[in-house]
Amino acid sequence: MENSHFGVTNCVCRAPGLLSRTARSTPATCAPLALRELAAGLAHEIRNRRAGIAGVVDITGKELPAYSPSRAVIGDVQREVLHVRAILNDLLAYSRPRPLDFIPRI
C-alpha cells in the first residue's frame, strides 16, 4: 500500500505532457479527447480509493454501539462518500467516448 497514490500521481503528472503533445500534434478537436482520457483515469483511481473508504466506514459504523455519539459522524461520512461517488459517475459519463457526428459534404 505504500505506493497506493501512484496511479493518481501518475495521471496528474502526465497531464500537462499529454495535453501539450495533443495540442501540438493533432487538430484542436482532439484536445477534448485527451482531457476526457485524463478525467477517466483520475476518476477510476479515485473510485478505487473511495470504495475502500466506504467499506471501512460501513464496518466501523456496524461495530459502533447504538448509543455512541460517533454514529452521527459515520452517517455524515457515508453521505459524503455517496456524494463523491455521484461526482465520479458524472466525470466518467463525461469521459465516455462519443459517436462521431459526420456531416456529409456534397
C-alpha atoms as a PDB file:
ATOM      1  CA  MET A   1       0.000   0.000   0.000  1.00  0.00           C
ATOM      2  CA  GLU A   2       2.964   2.359   0.253  1.00  0.00           C
ATOM      3  CA  ASN A   3       2.561   3.298  -3.425  1.00  0.00           C
ATOM      4  CA  SER A   4      -1.256   3.402  -3.339  1.00  0.00           C
ATOM      5  CA  HIS A   5      -1.231   7.000  -4.554  1.00  0.00           C
ATOM      6  CA  PHE A   6       0.937   6.127  -7.579  1.00  0.00           C
ATOM      7  CA  GLY A   7      -1.973   5.837 -10.028  1.00  0.00           C
ATOM      8  CA  VAL A   8      -3.410   9.250  -9.189  1.00  0.00           C
ATOM      9  CA  THR A   9       0.038  10.849  -9.101  1.00  0.00           C
ATOM     10  CA  ASN A  10       0.897   9.258 -12.427  1.00  0.00           C
ATOM     11  CA  CYS A  11      -2.296  10.632 -14.042  1.00  0.00           C
ATOM     12  CA  VAL A  12      -1.731  14.131 -12.677  1.00  0.00           C
ATOM     13  CA  CYS A  13       1.983  14.215 -13.523  1.00  0.00           C
ATOM     14  CA  ARG A  14       1.351  13.063 -17.093  1.00  0.00           C
ATOM     15  CA  ALA A  15      -1.494  15.532 -17.670  1.00  0.00           C
ATOM     16  CA  PRO A  16       0.493  18.574 -18.834  1.00  0.00           C
ATOM     17  CA  GLY A  17       2.582  16.498 -21.247  1.00  0.00           C
ATOM     18  CA  LEU A  18      -0.432  14.642 -22.585  1.00  0.00           C
ATOM     19  CA  LEU A  19      -2.365  17.824 -23.202  1.00  0.00           C
ATOM     20  CA  SER A  20       0.545  19.728 -24.742  1.00  0.00           C
ATOM     21  CA  ARG A  21       1.526  16.806 -27.020  1.00  0.00           C
ATOM     22  CA  THR A  22      -2.067  16.504 -28.132  1.00  0.00           C
ATOM     23  CA  ALA A  23      -2.307  20.218 -28.837  1.00  0.00           C
ATOM     24  CA  ARG A  24       0.915  20.201 -30.894  1.00  0.00           C
ATOM     25  CA  SER A  25       0.374  17.040 -32.885  1.00  0.00           C
ATOM     26  CA  THR A  26      -3.359  16.864 -33.542  1.00  0.00           C
ATOM     27  CA  PRO A  27      -6.233  19.104 -34.528  1.00  0.00           C
ATOM     28  CA  ALA A  28      -7.866  21.204 -31.844  1.00  0.00           C
ATOM     29  CA  THR A  29     -10.821  18.819 -31.745  1.00  0.00           C
ATOM     30  CA  CYS A  30      -8.607  16.119 -30.191  1.00  0.00           C
ATOM     31  CA  ALA A  31      -7.685  18.147 -27.104  1.00  0.00           C
ATOM     32  CA  PRO A  32     -11.089  17.433 -25.502  1.00  0.00           C
ATOM     33  CA  LEU A  33     -10.431  13.728 -26.129  1.00  0.00           C
ATOM     34  CA  ALA A  34      -7.178  13.926 -24.171  1.00  0.00           C
ATOM     35  CA  LEU A  35      -8.991  15.723 -21.371  1.00  0.00           C
ATOM     36  CA  ARG A  36     -11.684  13.022 -21.296  1.00  0.00           C
ATOM     37  CA  GLU A  37      -8.996  10.314 -21.132  1.00  0.00           C
ATOM     38  CA  LEU A  38      -7.322  12.104 -18.246  1.00  0.00           C
ATOM     39  CA  ALA A  39     -10.675  12.520 -16.472  1.00  0.00           C
ATOM     40  CA  ALA A  40     -11.425   8.810 -16.878  1.00  0.00           C
ATOM     41  CA  GLY A  41      -8.042   7.790 -15.478  1.00  0.00           C
ATOM     42  CA  LEU A  42      -8.373  10.054 -12.466  1.00  0.00           C
ATOM     43  CA  ALA A  43     -11.972   9.019 -11.823  1.00  0.00           C
ATOM     44  CA  HIS A  44     -11.075   5.324 -11.853  1.00  0.00           C
ATOM     45  CA  GLU A  45      -8.136   5.833  -9.486  1.00  0.00           C
ATOM     46  CA  ILE A  46     -10.227   7.894  -7.072  1.00  0.00           C
ATOM     47  CA  ARG A  47     -13.179   5.492  -7.338  1.00  0.00           C
ATOM     48  CA  ASN A  48     -10.993   2.591  -6.171  1.00  0.00           C
ATOM     49  CA  ARG A  49      -9.910   4.537  -3.076  1.00  0.00           C
ATOM     50  CA  ARG A  50     -13.480   5.679  -2.433  1.00  0.00           C
ATOM     51  CA  ALA A  51     -14.667   2.068  -2.394  1.00  0.00           C
ATOM     52  CA  GLY A  52     -12.060   1.222   0.240  1.00  0.00           C
ATOM     53  CA  ILE A  53     -13.059   4.191   2.373  1.00  0.00           C
ATOM     54  CA  ALA A  54     -16.752   3.299   2.054  1.00  0.00           C
ATOM     55  CA  GLY A  55     -16.038  -0.254   3.178  1.00  0.00           C
ATOM     56  CA  VAL A  56     -14.096   0.858   6.250  1.00  0.00           C
ATOM     57  CA  VAL A  57     -16.787   3.376   7.188  1.00  0.00           C
ATOM     58  CA  ASP A  58     -19.526   0.741   6.841  1.00  0.00           C
ATOM     59  CA  ILE A  59     -17.653  -1.758   9.003  1.00  0.00           C
ATOM     60  CA  THR A  60     -16.823   0.888  11.599  1.00  0.00           C
ATOM     61  CA  GLY A  61     -20.440   2.018  11.700  1.00  0.00           C
ATOM     62  CA  LYS A  62     -21.682  -1.536  12.295  1.00  0.00           C
ATOM     63  CA  GLU A  63     -19.185  -2.059  15.126  1.00  0.00           C
ATOM     64  CA  LEU A  64     -20.126   1.115  16.996  1.00  0.00           C
ATOM     65  CA  PRO A  65     -22.553   0.719  19.894  1.00  0.00           C
ATOM     66  CA  ALA A  66     -26.024   2.146  19.258  1.00  0.00           C
ATOM     67  CA  TYR A  67     -25.507   4.851  21.920  1.00  0.00           C
ATOM     68  CA  SER A  68     -22.183   6.081  20.509  1.00  0.00           C
ATOM     69  CA  PRO A  69     -22.126   9.773  19.528  1.00  0.00           C
ATOM     70  CA  SER A  70     -19.750   8.795  16.709  1.00  0.00           C
ATOM     71  CA  ARG A  71     -22.674   7.249  14.810  1.00  0.00           C
ATOM     72  CA  ALA A  72     -23.682  10.737  13.625  1.00  0.00           C
ATOM     73  CA  VAL A  73     -20.204  11.285  12.214  1.00  0.00           C
ATOM     74  CA  ILE A  74     -20.328   7.920  10.435  1.00  0.00           C
ATOM     75  CA  GLY A  75     -23.591   8.982   8.797  1.00  0.00           C
ATOM     76  CA  ASP A  76     -22.019  12.257   7.675  1.00  0.00           C
ATOM     77  CA  VAL A  77     -19.035  10.440   6.190  1.00  0.00           C
ATOM     78  CA  GLN A  78     -21.315   7.948   4.404  1.00  0.00           C
ATOM     79  CA  ARG A  79     -23.269  10.824   2.825  1.00  0.00           C
ATOM     80  CA  GLU A  80     -20.047  12.468   1.664  1.00  0.00           C
ATOM     81  CA  VAL A  81     -18.776   9.174   0.227  1.00  0.00           C
ATOM     82  CA  LEU A  82     -22.033   8.899  -1.741  1.00  0.00           C
ATOM     83  CA  HIS A  83     -21.562  12.478  -2.936  1.00  0.00           C
ATOM     84  CA  VAL A  84     -18.051  11.632  -4.153  1.00  0.00           C
ATOM     85  CA  ARG A  85     -19.481   8.597  -5.965  1.00  0.00           C
ATOM     86  CA  ALA A  86     -22.004  10.808  -7.764  1.00  0.00           C
ATOM     87  CA  ILE A  87     -19.256  13.234  -8.808  1.00  0.00           C
ATOM     88  CA  LEU A  88     -17.106  10.378 -10.103  1.00  0.00           C
ATOM     89  CA  ASN A  89     -20.036   8.932 -12.040  1.00  0.00           C
ATOM     90  CA  ASP A  90     -20.573  12.327 -13.684  1.00  0.00           C
ATOM     91  CA  LEU A  91     -16.881  12.523 -14.520  1.00  0.00           C
ATOM     92  CA  LEU A  92     -16.926   9.027 -16.010  1.00  0.00           C
ATOM     93  CA  ALA A  93     -20.045   9.863 -18.026  1.00  0.00           C
ATOM     94  CA  TYR A  94     -18.247  12.936 -19.390  1.00  0.00           C
ATOM     95  CA  SER A  95     -15.205  10.875 -20.311  1.00  0.00           C
ATOM     96  CA  ARG A  96     -17.078   8.154 -22.225  1.00  0.00           C
ATOM     97  CA  PRO A  97     -16.334   8.056 -25.946  1.00  0.00           C
ATOM     98  CA  ARG A  98     -18.972   9.731 -28.054  1.00  0.00           C
ATOM     99  CA  PRO A  99     -20.035   8.702 -31.525  1.00  0.00           C
ATOM    100  CA  LEU A 100     -18.592  10.876 -34.231  1.00  0.00           C
ATOM    101  CA  ASP A 101     -21.070  13.183 -35.889  1.00  0.00           C
ATOM    102  CA  PHE A 102     -20.157  13.291 -39.525  1.00  0.00           C
ATOM    103  CA  ILE A 103     -21.983  15.640 -41.840  1.00  0.00           C
ATOM    104  CA  PRO A 104     -21.562  14.584 -45.458  1.00  0.00           C
ATOM    105  CA  ARG A 105     -20.385  17.323 -47.785  1.00  0.00           C
ATOM    106  CA  ILE A 106     -21.875  17.411 -51.222  1.00  0.00           C
END
